[in-house]
């Protein structure tokens, strides 16, 4: 993963790892659904204000 911090934040706050449709054989991460408390927690974590 190129952006390890955001990936870790996503997985810690309701995100998931999926198969990347654009790159067969590779994985991608997704954050929680926009508008949820989990997504706000992800944003705070990835922006550094959640430290």
N, C-alpha and C. Protein backbone atom coordinates (compact mmCIF):
# COMPACT_ATOMS: atom_id res chain seq x y z
N UNK A 1 0.84 -1.17 0.00
CA UNK A 1 0.00 0.00 0.00
C UNK A 1 0.89 1.25 0.00
N UNK A 2 0.56 2.17 -0.82
CA UNK A 2 1.35 3.40 -0.87
C UNK A 2 1.10 4.30 0.33
N UNK A 3 -0.14 4.41 0.75
CA UNK A 3 -0.50 5.29 1.84
C UNK A 3 -0.84 4.45 3.07
N UNK A 4 0.20 4.02 3.78
CA UNK A 4 0.00 3.11 4.90
C UNK A 4 -0.79 3.74 6.04
N UNK A 5 -0.58 5.01 6.29
CA UNK A 5 -1.29 5.67 7.39
C UNK A 5 -2.80 5.66 7.14
N UNK A 6 -3.22 6.07 5.95
CA UNK A 6 -4.65 6.09 5.64
C UNK A 6 -5.23 4.69 5.63
N UNK A 7 -4.47 3.73 5.14
CA UNK A 7 -4.94 2.34 5.12
C UNK A 7 -5.16 1.86 6.55
N UNK A 8 -4.20 2.10 7.43
CA UNK A 8 -4.34 1.69 8.83
C UNK A 8 -5.52 2.39 9.48
N UNK A 9 -5.68 3.67 9.20
CA UNK A 9 -6.82 4.41 9.76
C UNK A 9 -8.14 3.83 9.26
N UNK A 10 -8.21 3.51 7.99
CA UNK A 10 -9.44 2.95 7.43
C UNK A 10 -9.78 1.61 8.08
N UNK A 11 -8.79 0.74 8.20
CA UNK A 11 -9.04 -0.57 8.77
C UNK A 11 -9.38 -0.49 10.25
N UNK A 12 -8.86 0.51 10.94
CA UNK A 12 -9.16 0.69 12.36
C UNK A 12 -10.53 1.32 12.60
N UNK A 13 -11.12 1.88 11.55
CA UNK A 13 -12.38 2.62 11.70
C UNK A 13 -13.45 2.15 10.73
N UNK A 14 -13.59 0.86 10.56
CA UNK A 14 -14.70 0.32 9.79
C UNK A 14 -14.45 0.11 8.31
N UNK A 15 -13.23 0.32 7.85
CA UNK A 15 -12.91 0.10 6.44
C UNK A 15 -12.65 -1.37 6.14
N UNK A 16 -12.28 -1.65 4.91
CA UNK A 16 -12.04 -3.04 4.53
C UNK A 16 -11.01 -3.11 3.41
N UNK A 17 -10.47 -4.31 3.21
CA UNK A 17 -9.54 -4.59 2.12
C UNK A 17 -10.30 -5.43 1.10
N UNK A 18 -10.21 -5.03 -0.17
CA UNK A 18 -10.92 -5.74 -1.24
C UNK A 18 -9.95 -6.07 -2.36
N UNK A 19 -10.36 -6.95 -3.27
CA UNK A 19 -9.59 -7.19 -4.49
C UNK A 19 -9.72 -5.96 -5.37
N UNK A 20 -8.60 -5.48 -5.91
CA UNK A 20 -8.60 -4.27 -6.73
C UNK A 20 -9.00 -4.64 -8.16
N UNK A 21 -10.17 -4.16 -8.62
CA UNK A 21 -10.63 -4.52 -9.97
C UNK A 21 -9.75 -3.94 -11.06
N UNK A 22 -9.07 -2.85 -10.78
CA UNK A 22 -8.21 -2.22 -11.79
C UNK A 22 -6.85 -2.91 -11.92
N UNK A 23 -6.46 -3.64 -10.87
CA UNK A 23 -5.15 -4.32 -10.88
C UNK A 23 -5.34 -5.76 -10.41
N UNK A 24 -5.58 -6.68 -11.32
CA UNK A 24 -5.82 -8.08 -10.95
C UNK A 24 -4.68 -8.64 -10.10
N UNK A 25 -5.05 -9.37 -9.06
CA UNK A 25 -4.07 -9.98 -8.18
C UNK A 25 -3.60 -9.06 -7.07
N UNK A 26 -4.08 -7.83 -7.04
CA UNK A 26 -3.68 -6.87 -6.00
C UNK A 26 -4.87 -6.53 -5.13
N UNK A 27 -4.58 -5.94 -3.99
CA UNK A 27 -5.61 -5.55 -3.03
C UNK A 27 -5.70 -4.03 -2.95
N UNK A 28 -6.85 -3.53 -2.53
CA UNK A 28 -7.08 -2.10 -2.32
C UNK A 28 -7.84 -1.96 -1.00
N UNK A 29 -7.77 -0.79 -0.39
CA UNK A 29 -8.52 -0.54 0.83
C UNK A 29 -9.61 0.47 0.57
N UNK A 30 -10.65 0.37 1.34
CA UNK A 30 -11.78 1.30 1.24
C UNK A 30 -12.13 1.76 2.64
N UNK A 31 -12.46 3.04 2.78
CA UNK A 31 -12.87 3.56 4.09
C UNK A 31 -14.35 3.27 4.30
N UNK A 32 -14.81 3.59 5.50
CA UNK A 32 -16.23 3.40 5.82
C UNK A 32 -17.08 4.34 4.96
N UNK A 33 -18.38 4.07 4.91
CA UNK A 33 -19.31 4.85 4.10
C UNK A 33 -19.33 6.32 4.51
N UNK A 34 -19.27 7.20 3.53
CA UNK A 34 -19.28 8.64 3.78
C UNK A 34 -20.56 9.03 4.51
N UNK A 35 -20.42 9.90 5.49
CA UNK A 35 -21.56 10.36 6.26
C UNK A 35 -21.77 9.61 7.56
N UNK A 36 -21.00 8.56 7.79
CA UNK A 36 -21.13 7.79 9.02
C UNK A 36 -20.10 8.27 10.04
N UNK A 37 -20.33 7.90 11.29
CA UNK A 37 -19.38 8.25 12.35
C UNK A 37 -18.04 7.56 12.10
N UNK A 38 -18.07 6.35 11.56
CA UNK A 38 -16.82 5.64 11.26
C UNK A 38 -16.01 6.38 10.20
N UNK A 39 -16.67 6.99 9.24
CA UNK A 39 -15.95 7.75 8.21
C UNK A 39 -15.33 9.01 8.81
N UNK A 40 -16.04 9.68 9.72
CA UNK A 40 -15.48 10.85 10.38
C UNK A 40 -14.26 10.46 11.21
N UNK A 41 -14.33 9.31 11.89
CA UNK A 41 -13.18 8.84 12.67
C UNK A 41 -12.00 8.55 11.74
N UNK A 42 -12.27 7.98 10.57
CA UNK A 42 -11.22 7.74 9.58
C UNK A 42 -10.60 9.04 9.12
N UNK A 43 -11.44 10.04 8.82
CA UNK A 43 -10.92 11.34 8.37
C UNK A 43 -10.07 12.00 9.44
N UNK A 44 -10.52 11.97 10.69
CA UNK A 44 -9.74 12.56 11.78
C UNK A 44 -8.40 11.85 11.93
N UNK A 45 -8.41 10.53 11.83
CA UNK A 45 -7.19 9.76 11.96
C UNK A 45 -6.23 10.05 10.81
N UNK A 46 -6.71 10.03 9.59
CA UNK A 46 -5.83 10.21 8.43
C UNK A 46 -5.32 11.63 8.29
N UNK A 47 -6.07 12.59 8.83
CA UNK A 47 -5.62 13.99 8.80
C UNK A 47 -4.69 14.32 9.95
N UNK A 48 -4.55 13.41 10.88
CA UNK A 48 -3.63 13.63 11.99
C UNK A 48 -4.26 14.24 13.21
N UNK A 49 -5.51 14.65 13.15
CA UNK A 49 -6.13 15.25 14.31
C UNK A 49 -6.63 14.21 15.30
N UNK A 50 -6.57 12.95 14.93
CA UNK A 50 -7.03 11.90 15.81
C UNK A 50 -5.93 11.30 16.67
N UNK A 51 -4.77 11.94 16.71
CA UNK A 51 -3.65 11.39 17.48
C UNK A 51 -3.79 11.68 18.92
